N, C-alpha and C. Protein backbone atom coordinates (compact mmCIF):
# COMPACT_ATOMS: atom_id res chain seq x y z
N UNK A 1 36.90 5.36 -49.18
CA UNK A 1 35.53 5.16 -48.64
C UNK A 1 35.83 4.31 -47.80
N UNK A 2 34.62 4.48 -46.69
CA UNK A 2 34.28 4.90 -45.62
C UNK A 2 34.22 2.56 -44.86
N UNK A 3 34.79 2.45 -44.46
CA UNK A 3 33.72 0.95 -44.29
C UNK A 3 33.04 0.66 -42.87
N UNK A 4 32.11 0.52 -43.12
CA UNK A 4 31.26 0.59 -42.18
C UNK A 4 31.91 -0.67 -41.28
N UNK A 5 31.04 -0.38 -39.87
CA UNK A 5 31.37 -1.32 -38.78
C UNK A 5 29.68 -1.77 -38.29
N UNK A 6 29.33 -3.35 -38.69
CA UNK A 6 28.51 -3.62 -37.45
C UNK A 6 28.29 -3.27 -36.91
N UNK A 7 26.95 -3.19 -35.75
CA UNK A 7 26.54 -2.62 -34.87
C UNK A 7 27.07 -4.12 -33.93
N UNK A 8 26.94 -3.80 -33.19
CA UNK A 8 26.46 -4.93 -32.16
C UNK A 8 24.98 -4.95 -31.70
N UNK A 9 24.54 -5.87 -31.79
CA UNK A 9 22.87 -6.48 -31.37
C UNK A 9 22.87 -6.21 -30.37
N UNK A 10 22.02 -5.77 -29.50
CA UNK A 10 21.66 -5.68 -27.75
C UNK A 10 20.60 -6.21 -27.57
N UNK A 11 20.63 -7.54 -27.09
CA UNK A 11 19.15 -8.15 -26.49
C UNK A 11 18.40 -7.66 -25.96
N UNK A 12 17.90 -6.95 -25.46
CA UNK A 12 16.51 -6.49 -24.73
C UNK A 12 15.45 -7.74 -23.84
N UNK A 13 15.80 -7.97 -22.78
CA UNK A 13 15.39 -9.13 -22.04
C UNK A 13 13.66 -8.46 -22.05
N UNK A 14 12.89 -10.14 -22.30
CA UNK A 14 11.40 -10.16 -22.33
C UNK A 14 10.87 -9.66 -21.38
N UNK A 15 9.87 -8.75 -20.55
CA UNK A 15 9.42 -8.87 -19.73
C UNK A 15 8.55 -10.26 -19.66
N UNK A 16 7.96 -10.66 -18.61
CA UNK A 16 7.07 -11.59 -18.30
C UNK A 16 5.18 -10.96 -18.83
N UNK A 17 4.71 -11.84 -18.96
CA UNK A 17 3.17 -11.38 -19.42
C UNK A 17 2.76 -11.01 -18.02
N UNK A 18 2.79 -11.33 -17.10
CA UNK A 18 2.44 -10.85 -16.05
C UNK A 18 2.79 -9.23 -15.70
N UNK A 19 4.17 -8.86 -16.00
CA UNK A 19 4.67 -7.69 -15.46
C UNK A 19 4.27 -7.02 -16.69
N UNK A 20 3.79 -5.24 -16.33
CA UNK A 20 3.80 -4.32 -16.62
C UNK A 20 4.68 -3.61 -17.65
N UNK A 21 4.12 -3.16 -18.56
CA UNK A 21 5.45 -2.83 -19.62
C UNK A 21 6.60 -1.62 -18.43
N UNK A 22 6.19 -0.56 -18.28
CA UNK A 22 6.44 0.69 -17.40
C UNK A 22 6.85 0.13 -16.03
N UNK A 23 6.87 -1.32 -15.53
CA UNK A 23 7.48 -0.97 -14.14
C UNK A 23 9.07 -0.76 -14.69
N UNK A 24 9.52 -0.12 -13.57
CA UNK A 24 11.33 -0.22 -13.90
C UNK A 24 11.53 1.08 -14.82
N UNK A 25 10.48 2.18 -15.28
CA UNK A 25 11.03 3.17 -15.84
C UNK A 25 10.41 4.64 -15.49
N UNK A 26 11.62 5.40 -15.66
CA UNK A 26 11.36 6.59 -14.76
C UNK A 26 10.85 7.36 -15.42
N UNK A 27 9.63 8.52 -14.54
CA UNK A 27 8.80 9.63 -15.97
C UNK A 27 8.63 10.87 -14.96
N UNK A 28 7.88 11.66 -15.31
CA UNK A 28 7.89 12.84 -14.37
C UNK A 28 6.44 11.73 -14.13
N UNK A 29 6.01 12.99 -12.95
CA UNK A 29 5.04 12.54 -12.24
C UNK A 29 3.61 13.17 -13.49
N UNK A 30 4.14 13.76 -14.06
CA UNK A 30 2.46 14.22 -15.69
C UNK A 30 2.64 12.85 -16.42
N UNK A 31 3.92 12.07 -16.46
CA UNK A 31 3.59 11.07 -17.51
C UNK A 31 3.00 10.10 -16.45
N UNK A 32 3.75 9.58 -15.52
CA UNK A 32 2.83 8.76 -14.79
C UNK A 32 1.19 9.12 -14.93
N UNK A 33 0.62 10.18 -14.32
CA UNK A 33 -0.73 10.54 -14.18
C UNK A 33 -1.41 10.30 -15.26
N UNK A 34 -0.80 10.41 -16.79
CA UNK A 34 -1.34 9.96 -18.36
C UNK A 34 -1.65 8.35 -18.16
N UNK A 35 -0.36 7.84 -17.78
CA UNK A 35 -1.14 6.67 -18.20
C UNK A 35 -2.28 5.92 -18.08
N UNK A 36 -2.44 4.88 -18.80
CA UNK A 36 -3.98 4.56 -18.27
C UNK A 36 -3.85 3.94 -17.14
N UNK A 37 -5.21 3.44 -16.50
CA UNK A 37 -5.16 2.67 -15.48
C UNK A 37 -5.61 1.41 -16.06
N UNK A 38 -4.69 0.58 -15.62
CA UNK A 38 -4.29 -1.04 -15.79
C UNK A 38 -4.00 -1.76 -14.60
N UNK A 39 -4.21 -2.94 -14.01
CA UNK A 39 -3.88 -3.60 -13.57
C UNK A 39 -3.09 -4.40 -14.13
N UNK A 40 -1.89 -5.22 -13.30
CA UNK A 40 -1.52 -5.01 -12.28
C UNK A 40 -1.64 -3.53 -11.60
N UNK A 41 -1.80 -2.60 -10.45
CA UNK A 41 -1.58 -1.20 -9.94
C UNK A 41 0.14 -1.30 -10.05
N UNK A 42 -0.29 -0.01 -10.46
CA UNK A 42 1.42 0.94 -10.18
C UNK A 42 0.80 2.03 -9.30
N UNK A 43 2.25 1.76 -9.38
CA UNK A 43 3.36 3.32 -8.31
C UNK A 43 3.77 3.97 -8.11
N UNK A 44 3.91 5.16 -8.03
CA UNK A 44 5.13 6.36 -8.91
C UNK A 44 5.81 6.93 -7.31
N UNK A 45 6.67 5.91 -7.59
CA UNK A 45 8.11 6.10 -6.48
C UNK A 45 9.25 6.86 -6.43
N UNK A 46 9.58 7.61 -5.82
CA UNK A 46 10.66 8.82 -6.54
C UNK A 46 11.05 8.32 -7.74
N UNK A 47 10.67 8.77 -8.58
CA UNK A 47 10.36 9.33 -10.37
C UNK A 47 10.48 8.12 -11.00
N UNK A 48 9.62 6.67 -10.01
CA UNK A 48 9.84 5.33 -10.81
C UNK A 48 8.63 5.16 -10.59
N UNK A 49 8.34 3.88 -12.07
CA UNK A 49 6.97 3.90 -12.24
C UNK A 49 7.52 1.67 -10.81
N UNK A 50 6.14 0.99 -10.17
CA UNK A 50 6.60 0.37 -9.64
C UNK A 50 5.36 -0.42 -9.77
N UNK A 51 5.43 -1.30 -9.82
CA UNK A 51 4.15 -1.96 -10.43
C UNK A 51 3.86 -2.83 -8.61
N UNK A 52 2.77 -2.76 -8.28
CA UNK A 52 2.40 -3.40 -6.65
C UNK A 52 1.85 -5.22 -6.97
N UNK A 53 2.55 -6.61 -6.45
CA UNK A 53 2.45 -7.49 -6.37
C UNK A 53 1.11 -7.62 -6.08
N UNK A 54 0.53 -9.15 -7.40
CA UNK A 54 -0.88 -9.16 -7.45
C UNK A 54 -0.93 -9.69 -6.46
N UNK A 55 -1.75 -9.35 -5.59
CA UNK A 55 -2.75 -10.21 -4.37
C UNK A 55 -2.89 -11.54 -4.59
N UNK A 56 -2.75 -12.40 -4.02
CA UNK A 56 -3.06 -14.10 -3.46
C UNK A 56 -4.51 -13.83 -2.80
N UNK A 57 -4.86 -15.34 -2.68
CA UNK A 57 -6.17 -15.26 -1.70
C UNK A 57 -5.90 -14.68 -0.50
N UNK A 58 -5.10 -14.99 0.33
CA UNK A 58 -5.07 -14.66 1.95
C UNK A 58 -4.70 -13.33 2.19
N UNK A 59 -3.96 -12.81 0.87
CA UNK A 59 -3.83 -11.09 0.81
C UNK A 59 -4.97 -10.63 1.06
N UNK A 60 -6.28 -10.91 -0.03
CA UNK A 60 -7.85 -10.45 -0.08
C UNK A 60 -8.18 -10.25 0.67
N UNK A 61 -8.06 -11.59 1.77
CA UNK A 61 -9.11 -11.79 2.62
C UNK A 61 -8.53 -10.82 3.95
N UNK A 62 -7.33 -11.10 4.05
CA UNK A 62 -6.76 -10.07 4.82
C UNK A 62 -7.35 -8.22 4.71
N UNK A 63 -6.84 -8.12 3.34
CA UNK A 63 -7.23 -7.04 3.14
C UNK A 63 -9.00 -6.27 3.47
N UNK A 64 -9.59 -8.08 2.81
CA UNK A 64 -11.02 -7.50 2.51
C UNK A 64 -12.09 -7.50 4.72
N UNK A 65 -11.21 -8.49 5.33
CA UNK A 65 -11.74 -8.44 6.92
C UNK A 65 -11.48 -6.99 7.77
N UNK A 66 -9.86 -6.30 7.15
CA UNK A 66 -10.29 -5.18 7.41
C UNK A 66 -10.58 -4.32 7.24
N UNK A 67 -11.29 -3.72 6.20
CA UNK A 67 -12.18 -3.23 5.10
C UNK A 67 -13.51 -3.18 6.17
N UNK A 68 -13.93 -4.20 6.09
CA UNK A 68 -14.85 -4.58 6.78
C UNK A 68 -15.69 -4.36 7.98
N UNK A 69 -13.87 -4.51 8.78
CA UNK A 69 -14.34 -4.26 10.03
C UNK A 69 -13.91 -1.84 10.01
N UNK A 70 -13.78 -1.57 9.08
CA UNK A 70 -13.66 -0.03 9.51
C UNK A 70 -14.68 0.53 8.45
N UNK A 71 -15.08 -0.33 8.15
CA UNK A 71 -16.51 0.27 7.34
C UNK A 71 -17.74 -0.22 8.40
N UNK A 72 -17.74 -1.05 8.85
CA UNK A 72 -18.88 -0.86 10.53
C UNK A 72 -18.44 0.12 11.59
N UNK A 73 -17.14 0.47 11.22
CA UNK A 73 -16.70 1.77 12.18
C UNK A 73 -17.29 3.08 11.45
N UNK A 74 -17.37 3.09 10.62
CA UNK A 74 -17.71 4.23 9.92
C UNK A 74 -19.01 4.27 9.50
N UNK A 75 -20.03 3.32 9.82
CA UNK A 75 -21.21 3.78 9.88
C UNK A 75 -21.22 4.31 11.11
N UNK A 76 -20.92 3.79 12.00
CA UNK A 76 -21.30 4.43 13.65
C UNK A 76 -20.33 6.16 13.63
N UNK A 77 -19.42 6.31 13.12
CA UNK A 77 -18.33 7.04 13.70
C UNK A 77 -18.80 7.81 12.31
N UNK A 78 -18.37 7.86 10.79
CA UNK A 78 -18.03 8.71 10.05
C UNK A 78 -16.90 8.60 9.42
N UNK A 79 -16.63 9.09 8.42
CA UNK A 79 -15.50 8.94 8.08
C UNK A 79 -15.77 7.71 6.51
N UNK A 80 -14.48 7.22 5.76
CA UNK A 80 -14.47 7.10 4.83
C UNK A 80 -13.32 5.67 4.41
N UNK A 81 -13.78 4.38 4.40
CA UNK A 81 -12.71 3.39 3.80
C UNK A 81 -12.79 3.11 2.47
N UNK A 82 -11.91 2.98 1.91
CA UNK A 82 -11.81 2.16 0.65
C UNK A 82 -10.02 1.51 0.33
N UNK A 83 -10.42 0.72 -0.75
CA UNK A 83 -9.01 -0.04 -0.80
C UNK A 83 -8.43 0.37 -2.52
N UNK A 84 -7.14 0.14 -2.47
CA UNK A 84 -6.28 0.12 -3.58
C UNK A 84 -6.51 1.88 -4.10
N UNK A 85 -6.77 2.37 -3.26
CA UNK A 85 -7.24 4.02 -3.63
C UNK A 85 -5.70 5.19 -3.47
N UNK A 86 -5.67 5.68 -4.65
CA UNK A 86 -4.13 6.46 -4.56
C UNK A 86 -4.46 7.80 -3.70
N UNK A 87 -2.64 7.88 -3.18
CA UNK A 87 -2.81 8.75 -2.71
C UNK A 87 -1.30 9.43 -3.27
N UNK A 88 -1.19 10.78 -3.00
CA UNK A 88 -0.79 11.70 -3.36
C UNK A 88 0.38 12.22 -2.27
N UNK A 89 1.76 11.33 -2.04
CA UNK A 89 2.38 11.39 -0.58
C UNK A 89 3.80 11.87 -1.27
N UNK A 90 4.09 12.98 0.46
CA UNK A 90 5.34 13.79 -0.29
C UNK A 90 5.55 14.79 -1.51
N UNK A 91 6.24 15.72 -1.26
CA UNK A 91 6.85 16.55 -1.94
C UNK A 91 7.14 16.95 -3.73
N UNK A 92 7.36 15.77 -3.74
CA UNK A 92 7.48 15.20 -4.99
C UNK A 92 6.58 14.93 -5.97
N UNK A 93 5.35 14.78 -5.88
CA UNK A 93 4.57 13.91 -5.34
C UNK A 93 4.88 12.53 -5.34
N UNK A 94 4.37 11.23 -4.40
CA UNK A 94 4.95 10.20 -4.85
C UNK A 94 3.76 9.60 -5.09
N UNK A 95 3.04 8.56 -5.69
CA UNK A 95 1.69 8.19 -6.12
C UNK A 95 1.99 7.18 -5.37
N UNK A 96 1.40 6.45 -3.92
CA UNK A 96 1.35 5.16 -3.71
C UNK A 96 -0.36 5.12 -3.49
N UNK A 97 -0.16 3.58 -3.18
CA UNK A 97 -1.59 2.20 -3.56
C UNK A 97 -1.88 1.77 -1.99
N UNK A 98 -2.07 2.06 -0.65
CA UNK A 98 -2.31 1.48 -0.26
C UNK A 98 -2.88 0.07 0.08
N UNK A 99 -2.93 -1.07 0.57
CA UNK A 99 -4.18 -1.84 0.39
C UNK A 99 -5.48 -1.32 0.91
N UNK A 100 -5.35 -0.92 1.99
CA UNK A 100 -6.88 -0.07 3.01
C UNK A 100 -6.09 0.91 3.47
N UNK A 101 -7.17 2.03 2.83
CA UNK A 101 -6.92 2.90 3.96
C UNK A 101 -8.38 3.30 4.08
N UNK A 102 -8.29 4.67 5.60
CA UNK A 102 -9.77 4.79 6.17
C UNK A 102 -9.30 6.40 6.00
N UNK A 103 -10.01 7.05 5.79
CA UNK A 103 -10.33 9.01 6.38
C UNK A 103 -10.93 9.17 7.48
N UNK A 104 -10.61 9.43 8.48
CA UNK A 104 -10.89 10.21 9.41
C UNK A 104 -11.77 11.24 8.61
N UNK A 105 -12.96 11.86 10.25
CA UNK A 105 -14.04 12.66 8.92
C UNK A 105 -13.56 14.02 9.08
N UNK A 106 -12.65 14.54 9.69
CA UNK A 106 -11.81 15.90 10.02
C UNK A 106 -10.92 15.76 8.50
N UNK A 107 -10.89 14.82 7.87
CA UNK A 107 -9.31 14.61 7.07
C UNK A 107 -10.31 14.96 5.69
N UNK A 108 -10.22 15.51 4.56
CA UNK A 108 -10.24 15.89 3.13
C UNK A 108 -10.23 13.73 2.32
N UNK A 109 -11.42 13.96 1.62
CA UNK A 109 -11.33 12.43 1.05
C UNK A 109 -12.12 12.76 -0.19
N UNK A 110 -10.55 12.93 -1.48
CA UNK A 110 -11.26 12.99 -2.42
C UNK A 110 -10.06 12.33 -3.29
N UNK A 111 -9.86 12.35 -4.45
CA UNK A 111 -8.54 11.94 -4.86
C UNK A 111 -7.13 12.21 -4.82
N UNK A 112 -6.54 11.47 -4.37
CA UNK A 112 -5.20 11.59 -4.31
C UNK A 112 -4.95 12.42 -3.27
N UNK A 113 -6.09 12.24 -1.93
CA UNK A 113 -5.85 12.46 -0.89
C UNK A 113 -5.28 12.10 0.09
N UNK A 114 -4.12 12.39 1.25
CA UNK A 114 -3.41 11.40 1.91
C UNK A 114 -4.75 11.37 3.35
N UNK A 115 -4.89 9.71 3.30
CA UNK A 115 -6.26 8.99 4.27
C UNK A 115 -4.78 9.35 5.53
N UNK A 116 -6.44 8.78 7.27
CA UNK A 116 -5.79 8.97 7.96
C UNK A 116 -4.82 8.05 8.76
N UNK A 117 -5.36 6.53 8.24
CA UNK A 117 -4.97 5.15 8.44
C UNK A 117 -4.74 4.96 6.87
N UNK A 118 -3.08 4.11 6.56
CA UNK A 118 -2.62 3.68 5.11
C UNK A 118 -2.39 1.81 6.36
N UNK A 119 -3.17 1.02 5.53
CA UNK A 119 -2.91 -0.60 5.86
C UNK A 119 -2.22 -1.15 5.15
N UNK A 120 -1.17 -1.75 5.50
CA UNK A 120 -0.35 -2.29 3.75
C UNK A 120 -0.53 -3.83 4.42
N UNK A 121 -0.58 -5.14 3.84
CA UNK A 121 -0.97 -6.13 3.89
C UNK A 121 0.54 -7.04 2.72
N UNK A 122 1.26 -7.46 3.57
CA UNK A 122 2.74 -8.36 3.17
C UNK A 122 2.08 -9.33 2.21
N UNK A 123 2.50 -9.40 0.90
CA UNK A 123 2.61 -10.33 0.06
C UNK A 123 3.63 -11.18 0.07
N UNK A 124 3.51 -12.62 -0.65
CA UNK A 124 4.54 -13.35 -0.79
C UNK A 124 6.03 -12.84 -1.34
N UNK A 125 5.84 -12.03 -2.11
CA UNK A 125 6.88 -11.25 -3.30
C UNK A 125 7.52 -10.13 -2.80
N UNK A 126 6.71 -9.62 -1.29
CA UNK A 126 7.49 -8.22 -0.81
C UNK A 126 8.18 -8.30 0.32
N UNK A 127 8.67 -8.12 0.73
CA UNK A 127 10.20 -8.13 2.34
C UNK A 127 8.98 -7.20 3.47
N UNK A 128 9.62 -7.12 4.75
CA UNK A 128 8.95 -6.75 5.56
C UNK A 128 9.84 -5.24 5.50
N UNK A 129 10.98 -5.44 5.28
CA UNK A 129 11.60 -4.08 5.32
C UNK A 129 11.30 -3.09 4.63
N UNK A 130 11.28 -3.76 2.87
CA UNK A 130 10.53 -2.65 2.48
C UNK A 130 9.28 -1.79 2.07
N UNK A 131 8.22 -2.57 3.38
CA UNK A 131 6.88 -2.15 3.47
C UNK A 131 6.84 -1.66 4.73
N UNK A 132 7.85 -1.91 5.82
CA UNK A 132 8.37 -0.84 6.85
C UNK A 132 8.77 0.63 6.45
N UNK A 133 9.77 0.43 5.34
CA UNK A 133 9.70 1.74 4.77
C UNK A 133 9.23 2.38 4.03
N UNK A 134 7.87 1.93 3.32
CA UNK A 134 6.89 2.44 2.66
C UNK A 134 5.70 3.36 4.10
N UNK A 135 5.31 2.27 4.79
CA UNK A 135 4.89 2.91 6.23
C UNK A 135 5.51 4.04 6.55
N UNK A 136 7.17 4.22 7.15
CA UNK A 136 7.93 5.02 7.31
C UNK A 136 7.28 6.23 6.43
N UNK A 137 7.56 6.07 5.33
CA UNK A 137 7.34 7.22 4.35
C UNK A 137 6.06 7.67 4.57
N UNK A 138 5.38 6.88 4.36
CA UNK A 138 3.33 7.39 4.33
C UNK A 138 3.39 8.88 5.75
N UNK A 139 3.71 7.77 6.94
CA UNK A 139 4.23 8.67 8.37
C UNK A 139 4.78 10.00 8.36
N UNK A 140 5.90 9.95 7.45
CA UNK A 140 6.22 11.29 7.93
C UNK A 140 5.84 12.54 6.62
N UNK A 141 4.87 11.71 5.71
CA UNK A 141 4.04 12.79 5.01
C UNK A 141 3.38 12.75 5.41
N UNK A 142 2.59 13.12 5.99
CA UNK A 142 1.34 13.59 6.85
C UNK A 142 -0.07 12.43 7.60
N UNK A 143 0.39 10.80 6.82
CA UNK A 143 -0.11 9.66 7.24
C UNK A 143 -0.45 9.51 8.76
N UNK A 144 -1.58 9.55 9.74
CA UNK A 144 -1.37 9.43 10.70
C UNK A 144 -1.15 8.23 11.68
N UNK A 145 -1.00 6.83 10.76
CA UNK A 145 -0.90 5.87 11.10
C UNK A 145 -1.12 4.92 10.56
N UNK A 146 -0.10 3.98 10.27
CA UNK A 146 0.10 2.99 9.22
C UNK A 146 -0.10 1.46 10.00
N UNK A 147 -1.01 0.42 9.52
CA UNK A 147 -0.67 -0.65 10.09
C UNK A 147 0.02 -2.09 8.90
N UNK A 148 1.24 -2.56 9.85
CA UNK A 148 1.95 -3.48 8.78
C UNK A 148 1.47 -5.54 9.29
N UNK A 149 0.33 -5.27 8.53
CA UNK A 149 0.07 -6.59 8.35
C UNK A 149 0.71 -7.78 7.43
N UNK A 150 0.80 -8.69 8.48
CA UNK A 150 1.92 -10.25 7.64
C UNK A 150 1.26 -11.68 7.76
N UNK A 151 0.39 -11.77 7.17
CA UNK A 151 -0.54 -13.06 7.58
C UNK A 151 0.21 -14.14 7.08
N UNK A 152 1.03 -14.48 7.01
CA UNK A 152 1.75 -15.42 7.02
C UNK A 152 2.58 -16.28 8.26
N UNK A 153 3.28 -14.84 9.06
CA UNK A 153 3.74 -14.62 10.49
C UNK A 153 2.60 -14.79 11.42
N UNK A 154 1.06 -14.33 10.93
CA UNK A 154 0.31 -13.53 11.62
C UNK A 154 0.79 -12.77 12.72
N UNK A 155 1.25 -11.85 12.23
CA UNK A 155 1.83 -10.63 12.91
C UNK A 155 1.14 -9.38 12.27
N UNK A 156 1.13 -8.43 13.04
CA UNK A 156 1.08 -6.99 13.07
C UNK A 156 2.24 -5.51 13.63
N UNK A 157 2.02 -5.06 12.86
CA UNK A 157 3.21 -3.87 13.34
C UNK A 157 2.30 -2.75 13.30
N UNK A 158 2.37 -1.57 14.28
CA UNK A 158 2.00 -0.56 14.13
C UNK A 158 3.37 1.12 14.05
N UNK A 159 2.77 2.18 13.49
CA UNK A 159 3.50 3.21 13.26
C UNK A 159 2.44 4.16 13.51
N UNK A 160 2.49 4.47 14.37
CA UNK A 160 1.71 5.54 15.09
C UNK A 160 2.08 6.60 16.55
N UNK A 161 2.40 7.43 16.01
CA UNK A 161 3.05 8.00 16.79
C UNK A 161 4.30 8.43 17.65
N UNK A 162 4.92 7.49 18.78
CA UNK A 162 6.58 6.96 18.70
C UNK A 162 6.54 5.50 18.43
N UNK A 163 5.74 5.11 17.79
CA UNK A 163 5.52 3.68 17.45
C UNK A 163 6.07 3.50 16.05
N UNK A 164 7.61 2.94 16.10
CA UNK A 164 8.10 2.69 14.47
C UNK A 164 8.02 1.20 14.24
N UNK A 165 6.73 0.85 13.92
CA UNK A 165 6.89 -0.94 13.59
C UNK A 165 6.91 -1.54 15.17
N UNK A 166 5.91 -1.71 16.14
CA UNK A 166 5.65 -1.68 17.16
C UNK A 166 4.87 -2.46 16.98
N UNK A 167 5.80 -4.38 17.44
CA UNK A 167 4.62 -5.61 17.15
C UNK A 167 3.42 -5.55 17.97
N UNK A 168 2.56 -5.85 17.42
CA UNK A 168 1.44 -6.25 18.51
C UNK A 168 1.76 -7.69 18.89
N UNK A 169 1.34 -8.18 20.21
CA UNK A 169 1.38 -9.16 21.59
C UNK A 169 0.12 -9.84 19.73
N UNK A 170 -0.09 -11.15 19.72
CA UNK A 170 -0.89 -12.49 19.16
C UNK A 170 -1.89 -12.03 19.84
N UNK A 171 -2.20 -11.72 21.41
CA UNK A 171 -3.70 -11.22 21.17
C UNK A 171 -3.69 -9.81 21.19
N UNK A 172 -3.41 -8.85 20.48
CA UNK A 172 -3.28 -7.51 20.38
C UNK A 172 -4.63 -7.24 19.67
N UNK A 173 -4.65 -5.82 19.84
CA UNK A 173 -5.52 -5.42 19.33
C UNK A 173 -5.37 -4.00 18.38
N UNK A 174 -5.91 -4.28 17.07
CA UNK A 174 -5.40 -3.49 16.16
C UNK A 174 -6.32 -2.01 16.52
N UNK A 175 -5.89 -0.83 16.62
CA UNK A 175 -6.42 0.60 16.80
C UNK A 175 -5.48 1.64 16.52
N UNK A 176 -6.25 2.79 16.55
CA UNK A 176 -5.31 3.99 16.39
C UNK A 176 -6.24 5.02 17.42
N UNK A 177 -5.20 6.54 17.09
CA UNK A 177 -5.90 7.24 18.07
C UNK A 177 -6.74 7.89 17.05
N UNK A 178 -7.03 8.82 16.22
CA UNK A 178 -7.55 8.76 15.05
C UNK A 178 -8.93 8.13 15.07
N UNK A 179 -8.47 6.68 15.44
CA UNK A 179 -10.50 6.12 15.31
C UNK A 179 -10.84 5.77 16.46
N UNK A 180 -11.27 6.57 17.39
CA UNK A 180 -11.50 6.32 18.97
C UNK A 180 -13.02 5.15 18.49
N UNK A 181 -12.60 4.22 19.41
CA UNK A 181 -13.56 3.46 19.37
C UNK A 181 -13.14 2.11 18.63
N UNK A 182 -12.61 2.41 17.56
CA UNK A 182 -12.09 1.50 16.94
C UNK A 182 -11.50 -0.08 17.37
N UNK A 183 -11.47 -1.09 17.30
CA UNK A 183 -10.61 -2.08 17.09
C UNK A 183 -10.86 -3.63 16.56
N UNK A 184 -9.59 -4.01 16.40
CA UNK A 184 -10.02 -5.64 15.50
C UNK A 184 -8.76 -6.28 15.79
N UNK A 185 -9.25 -7.22 16.76
CA UNK A 185 -8.30 -8.29 17.55
C UNK A 185 -7.84 -8.61 16.51
N UNK A 186 -6.32 -9.27 15.78
CA UNK A 186 -5.60 -9.72 15.54
C UNK A 186 -6.15 -11.46 15.71
N UNK A 187 -6.51 -11.74 16.63
CA UNK A 187 -7.40 -13.09 16.38
C UNK A 187 -8.62 -13.48 15.19
N UNK A 188 -9.31 -12.37 15.47
CA UNK A 188 -10.86 -12.06 14.40
C UNK A 188 -9.89 -12.08 13.53
N UNK A 189 -8.83 -11.33 13.16
CA UNK A 189 -8.99 -10.84 11.57
C UNK A 189 -8.21 -12.20 11.13
N UNK A 190 -6.86 -12.77 11.52
CA UNK A 190 -6.61 -14.38 11.21
C UNK A 190 -7.63 -14.84 11.24
N UNK A 191 -8.58 -15.28 12.10
CA UNK A 191 -9.48 -16.35 11.75
C UNK A 191 -10.51 -16.32 10.17
N UNK A 192 -9.65 -15.60 10.21
CA UNK A 192 -11.01 -15.37 8.80
C UNK A 192 -9.91 -16.42 7.53
N UNK A 193 -8.66 -16.25 7.46
CA UNK A 193 -7.82 -17.42 7.02
C UNK A 193 -8.13 -19.46 6.93
N UNK A 194 -8.09 -19.23 8.61
CA UNK A 194 -8.48 -20.44 9.18
C UNK A 194 -9.85 -21.72 8.38
N UNK A 195 -10.42 -19.94 8.50
CA UNK A 195 -12.20 -20.50 8.15
C UNK A 195 -12.05 -21.35 6.51
């Protein structure tokens, strides 16, 4: 008669209540798209599900101000502005959620379509390095421009054309080639978090 050896019990760490049970799970794009829509939002990056950081007040204020400026521009120039809209990016595809997106009138505006402009606002739990990589990924896969805004440092970096993370001067203005006539000064943008 064989003696059965007891199995070692493996303790699986419990996730914090704020973290999605899907965060860090590898799956196919089809499995990802079949997940229920829930908050915090999820992205699909190179075959893995990643939870987006939960935005705090300053993040929300900056994203709202950028969106407001783009909506004003949209009223006179057409196009579409939106927040947290999923875009299919790359060949795999990856499903990313820019904080703010804008589709110029000549760009298809539909579920999962690539925006003309993607805007990322750094949250305290994110590094500038990871967000620079995200902007570079957008640019390498058809997004015309990406702005990376850091509310804590009160800086903005531009990814467009030959510009790869070029920092705007403190008195600089956010512009984009595909958005002729648009301008949002950093002074006006960051004033929203001072009021």
